[in-house]
C-alpha cells in the first residue's frame, strides 16, 4: 500500500487474497509467475473531525 499523503509504503500480505489470485488465474487456464498490486490509501479521518 502507498499512502498518498505521506508517501509511506506499507507491505501487505493476505493469504486469502493470494489464494483468490491463484484461483482466478487457474480458472482462466493460467498460472501466476509473478504479480504486483498497489493499493493507494490515505488515513481515515478521525471521529473528532
PDB file of N, CA and C in Angstrom:
ATOM      1  N   UNK A   1       0.849  -1.157   0.000  1.00  0.00           N
ATOM      2  CA  UNK A   1       0.000   0.000   0.000  1.00  0.00           C
ATOM      3  C   UNK A   1       0.899   1.226   0.000  1.00  0.00           C
ATOM      4  N   UNK A   2       0.448   2.264  -0.669  1.00  0.00           N
ATOM      5  CA  UNK A   2       1.187   3.527  -0.704  1.00  0.00           C
ATOM      6  C   UNK A   2       0.267   4.612  -0.157  1.00  0.00           C
ATOM      7  N   UNK A   3       0.713   5.283   0.893  1.00  0.00           N
ATOM      8  CA  UNK A   3      -0.055   6.381   1.464  1.00  0.00           C
ATOM      9  C   UNK A   3       0.101   7.599   0.557  1.00  0.00           C
ATOM     10  N   UNK A   4      -1.023   8.115   0.077  1.00  0.00           N
ATOM     11  CA  UNK A   4      -0.978   9.255  -0.839  1.00  0.00           C
ATOM     12  C   UNK A   4      -0.644  10.559  -0.125  1.00  0.00           C
ATOM     13  N   UNK A   5      -0.725  10.573   1.210  1.00  0.00           N
ATOM     14  CA  UNK A   5      -0.402  11.788   1.956  1.00  0.00           C
ATOM     15  C   UNK A   5       1.057  11.840   2.381  1.00  0.00           C
ATOM     16  N   UNK A   6       1.579  10.714   2.861  1.00  0.00           N
ATOM     17  CA  UNK A   6       2.947  10.715   3.384  1.00  0.00           C
ATOM     18  C   UNK A   6       3.953  10.055   2.456  1.00  0.00           C
ATOM     19  N   UNK A   7       3.467   9.266   1.500  1.00  0.00           N
ATOM     20  CA  UNK A   7       4.363   8.521   0.629  1.00  0.00           C
ATOM     21  C   UNK A   7       4.868   7.233   1.255  1.00  0.00           C
ATOM     22  N   UNK A   8       4.413   6.936   2.474  1.00  0.00           N
ATOM     23  CA  UNK A   8       4.848   5.720   3.161  1.00  0.00           C
ATOM     24  C   UNK A   8       4.411   4.491   2.373  1.00  0.00           C
ATOM     25  N   UNK A   9       5.264   3.481   2.381  1.00  0.00           N
ATOM     26  CA  UNK A   9       4.961   2.211   1.730  1.00  0.00           C
ATOM     27  C   UNK A   9       4.731   1.186   2.826  1.00  0.00           C
ATOM     28  N   UNK A  10       3.563   0.562   2.806  1.00  0.00           N
ATOM     29  CA  UNK A  10       3.186  -0.411   3.817  1.00  0.00           C
ATOM     30  C   UNK A  10       3.067  -1.764   3.131  1.00  0.00           C
ATOM     31  N   UNK A  11       3.917  -2.718   3.537  1.00  0.00           N
ATOM     32  CA  UNK A  11       3.869  -4.057   2.950  1.00  0.00           C
ATOM     33  C   UNK A  11       2.572  -4.738   3.347  1.00  0.00           C
ATOM     34  N   UNK A  12       2.028  -5.507   2.425  1.00  0.00           N
ATOM     35  CA  UNK A  12       0.747  -6.159   2.644  1.00  0.00           C
ATOM     36  C   UNK A  12       0.858  -7.615   2.235  1.00  0.00           C
ATOM     37  N   UNK A  13       0.419  -8.519   3.111  1.00  0.00           N
ATOM     38  CA  UNK A  13       0.297  -9.933   2.753  1.00  0.00           C
ATOM     39  C   UNK A  13      -1.007 -10.447   3.330  1.00  0.00           C
ATOM     40  N   UNK A  14      -1.777 -11.123   2.512  1.00  0.00           N
ATOM     41  CA  UNK A  14      -3.037 -11.707   2.951  1.00  0.00           C
ATOM     42  C   UNK A  14      -3.180 -13.059   2.259  1.00  0.00           C
ATOM     43  N   UNK A  15      -3.136 -14.129   3.029  1.00  0.00           N
ATOM     44  CA  UNK A  15      -3.198 -15.480   2.463  1.00  0.00           C
ATOM     45  C   UNK A  15      -4.476 -15.693   1.656  1.00  0.00           C
ATOM     46  N   UNK A  16      -5.583 -15.141   2.117  1.00  0.00           N
ATOM     47  CA  UNK A  16      -6.852 -15.284   1.408  1.00  0.00           C
ATOM     48  C   UNK A  16      -6.793 -14.601   0.042  1.00  0.00           C
ATOM     49  N   UNK A  17      -6.180 -13.433  -0.024  1.00  0.00           N
ATOM     50  CA  UNK A  17      -6.036 -12.712  -1.288  1.00  0.00           C
ATOM     51  C   UNK A  17      -5.108 -13.468  -2.238  1.00  0.00           C
ATOM     52  N   UNK A  18      -4.027 -14.023  -1.715  1.00  0.00           N
ATOM     53  CA  UNK A  18      -3.106 -14.807  -2.543  1.00  0.00           C
ATOM     54  C   UNK A  18      -3.824 -16.014  -3.147  1.00  0.00           C
ATOM     55  N   UNK A  19      -4.623 -16.700  -2.333  1.00  0.00           N
ATOM     56  CA  UNK A  19      -5.362 -17.866  -2.820  1.00  0.00           C
ATOM     57  C   UNK A  19      -6.375 -17.460  -3.889  1.00  0.00           C
ATOM     58  N   UNK A  20      -7.035 -16.333  -3.696  1.00  0.00           N
ATOM     59  CA  UNK A  20      -8.004 -15.846  -4.677  1.00  0.00           C
ATOM     60  C   UNK A  20      -7.331 -15.566  -6.013  1.00  0.00           C
ATOM     61  N   UNK A  21      -6.158 -14.947  -5.988  1.00  0.00           N
ATOM     62  CA  UNK A  21      -5.430 -14.670  -7.229  1.00  0.00           C
ATOM     63  C   UNK A  21      -5.092 -15.967  -7.954  1.00  0.00           C
ATOM     64  N   UNK A  22      -4.674 -16.979  -7.202  1.00  0.00           N
ATOM     65  CA  UNK A  22      -4.358 -18.277  -7.806  1.00  0.00           C
ATOM     66  C   UNK A  22      -5.595 -18.884  -8.459  1.00  0.00           C
ATOM     67  N   UNK A  23      -6.714 -18.850  -7.757  1.00  0.00           N
ATOM     68  CA  UNK A  23      -7.949 -19.427  -8.304  1.00  0.00           C
ATOM     69  C   UNK A  23      -8.382 -18.708  -9.573  1.00  0.00           C
ATOM     70  N   UNK A  24      -8.271 -17.396  -9.591  1.00  0.00           N
ATOM     71  CA  UNK A  24      -8.654 -16.628 -10.778  1.00  0.00           C
ATOM     72  C   UNK A  24      -7.777 -17.011 -11.962  1.00  0.00           C
ATOM     73  N   UNK A  25      -6.465 -17.072 -11.744  1.00  0.00           N
ATOM     74  CA  UNK A  25      -5.552 -17.439 -12.830  1.00  0.00           C
ATOM     75  C   UNK A  25      -5.864 -18.843 -13.342  1.00  0.00           C
ATOM     76  N   UNK A  26      -6.044 -19.791 -12.417  1.00  0.00           N
ATOM     77  CA  UNK A  26      -6.326 -21.176 -12.809  1.00  0.00           C
ATOM     78  C   UNK A  26      -7.654 -21.284 -13.551  1.00  0.00           C
ATOM     79  N   UNK A  27      -8.654 -20.555 -13.123  1.00  0.00           N
ATOM     80  CA  UNK A  27      -9.970 -20.572 -13.771  1.00  0.00           C
ATOM     81  C   UNK A  27      -9.865 -20.155 -15.233  1.00  0.00           C
ATOM     82  N   UNK A  28      -8.899 -19.305 -15.531  1.00  0.00           N
ATOM     83  CA  UNK A  28      -8.716 -18.823 -16.900  1.00  0.00           C
ATOM     84  C   UNK A  28      -7.628 -19.594 -17.648  1.00  0.00           C
ATOM     85  N   UNK A  29      -7.118 -20.665 -17.021  1.00  0.00           N
ATOM     86  CA  UNK A  29      -6.144 -21.520 -17.683  1.00  0.00           C
ATOM     87  C   UNK A  29      -4.708 -21.024 -17.610  1.00  0.00           C
ATOM     88  N   UNK A  30      -4.396 -20.248 -16.583  1.00  0.00           N
ATOM     89  CA  UNK A  30      -3.049 -19.697 -16.442  1.00  0.00           C
ATOM     90  C   UNK A  30      -2.469 -20.042 -15.084  1.00  0.00           C
ATOM     91  N   UNK A  31      -1.162 -19.848 -14.975  1.00  0.00           N
ATOM     92  CA  UNK A  31      -0.503 -19.915 -13.683  1.00  0.00           C
ATOM     93  C   UNK A  31       0.238 -18.603 -13.471  1.00  0.00           C
ATOM     94  N   UNK A  32       0.246 -18.135 -12.259  1.00  0.00           N
ATOM     95  CA  UNK A  32       0.920 -16.876 -11.939  1.00  0.00           C
ATOM     96  C   UNK A  32       2.413 -17.146 -11.813  1.00  0.00           C
ATOM     97  N   UNK A  33       3.216 -16.372 -12.527  1.00  0.00           N
ATOM     98  CA  UNK A  33       4.667 -16.480 -12.381  1.00  0.00           C
ATOM     99  C   UNK A  33       5.224 -15.301 -11.588  1.00  0.00           C
ATOM    100  N   UNK A  34       4.475 -14.212 -11.550  1.00  0.00           N
ATOM    101  CA  UNK A  34       4.846 -13.038 -10.759  1.00  0.00           C
ATOM    102  C   UNK A  34       3.635 -12.126 -10.731  1.00  0.00           C
ATOM    103  N   UNK A  35       3.576 -11.258  -9.775  1.00  0.00           N
ATOM    104  CA  UNK A  35       2.469 -10.310  -9.724  1.00  0.00           C
ATOM    105  C   UNK A  35       2.828  -9.122  -8.845  1.00  0.00           C
ATOM    106  N   UNK A  36       2.064  -8.066  -9.024  1.00  0.00           N
ATOM    107  CA  UNK A  36       2.180  -6.914  -8.130  1.00  0.00           C
ATOM    108  C   UNK A  36       0.806  -6.282  -8.005  1.00  0.00           C
ATOM    109  N   UNK A  37       0.582  -5.694  -6.874  1.00  0.00           N
ATOM    110  CA  UNK A  37      -0.672  -4.999  -6.625  1.00  0.00           C
ATOM    111  C   UNK A  37      -0.328  -3.791  -5.766  1.00  0.00           C
ATOM    112  N   UNK A  38      -0.831  -2.652  -6.151  1.00  0.00           N
ATOM    113  CA  UNK A  38      -0.588  -1.441  -5.376  1.00  0.00           C
ATOM    114  C   UNK A  38      -1.931  -0.856  -4.973  1.00  0.00           C
ATOM    115  N   UNK A  39      -2.108  -0.676  -3.693  1.00  0.00           N
ATOM    116  CA  UNK A  39      -3.299  -0.011  -3.177  1.00  0.00           C
ATOM    117  C   UNK A  39      -2.875   1.381  -2.740  1.00  0.00           C
ATOM    118  N   UNK A  40      -3.499   2.396  -3.289  1.00  0.00           N
ATOM    119  CA  UNK A  40      -3.208   3.770  -2.891  1.00  0.00           C
ATOM    120  C   UNK A  40      -4.201   4.132  -1.799  1.00  0.00           C
ATOM    121  N   UNK A  41      -3.684   4.498  -0.635  1.00  0.00           N
ATOM    122  CA  UNK A  41      -4.524   4.708   0.539  1.00  0.00           C
ATOM    123  C   UNK A  41      -4.261   6.068   1.164  1.00  0.00           C
ATOM    124  N   UNK A  42      -5.189   6.480   2.015  1.00  0.00           N
ATOM    125  CA  UNK A  42      -4.980   7.672   2.832  1.00  0.00           C
ATOM    126  C   UNK A  42      -5.532   7.363   4.209  1.00  0.00           C
ATOM    127  N   UNK A  43      -5.033   8.027   5.239  1.00  0.00           N
ATOM    128  CA  UNK A  43      -5.532   7.769   6.590  1.00  0.00           C
ATOM    129  C   UNK A  43      -7.021   8.106   6.687  1.00  0.00           C
ATOM    130  N   UNK A  44      -7.731   7.313   7.473  1.00  0.00           N
ATOM    131  CA  UNK A  44      -9.138   7.615   7.726  1.00  0.00           C
ATOM    132  C   UNK A  44      -9.221   8.890   8.555  1.00  0.00           C
ATOM    133  N   UNK A  45     -10.250   9.684   8.324  1.00  0.00           N
ATOM    134  CA  UNK A  45     -10.467  10.879   9.138  1.00  0.00           C
ATOM    135  C   UNK A  45     -10.834  10.429  10.548  1.00  0.00           C
ATOM    136  N   UNK A  46     -10.323  11.129  11.538  1.00  0.00           N
ATOM    137  CA  UNK A  46     -10.630  10.747  12.915  1.00  0.00           C
ATOM    138  C   UNK A  46     -12.066  11.134  13.249  1.00  0.00           C
ATOM    139  N   UNK A  47     -12.638  10.467  14.234  1.00  0.00           N
ATOM    140  CA  UNK A  47     -14.019  10.726  14.640  1.00  0.00           C
ATOM    141  C   UNK A  47     -14.182  12.139  15.190  1.00  0.00           C
ATOM    142  N   UNK A  48     -13.092  12.745  15.663  1.00  0.00           N
ATOM    143  CA  UNK A  48     -13.152  14.081  16.256  1.00  0.00           C
ATOM    144  C   UNK A  48     -13.307  15.172  15.203  1.00  0.00           C
ATOM    145  N   UNK A  49     -13.015  14.870  13.953  1.00  0.00           N
ATOM    146  CA  UNK A  49     -13.069  15.911  12.917  1.00  0.00           C
ATOM    147  C   UNK A  49     -14.452  16.104  12.369  1.00  0.00           C
TER     148      UNK A  49
END
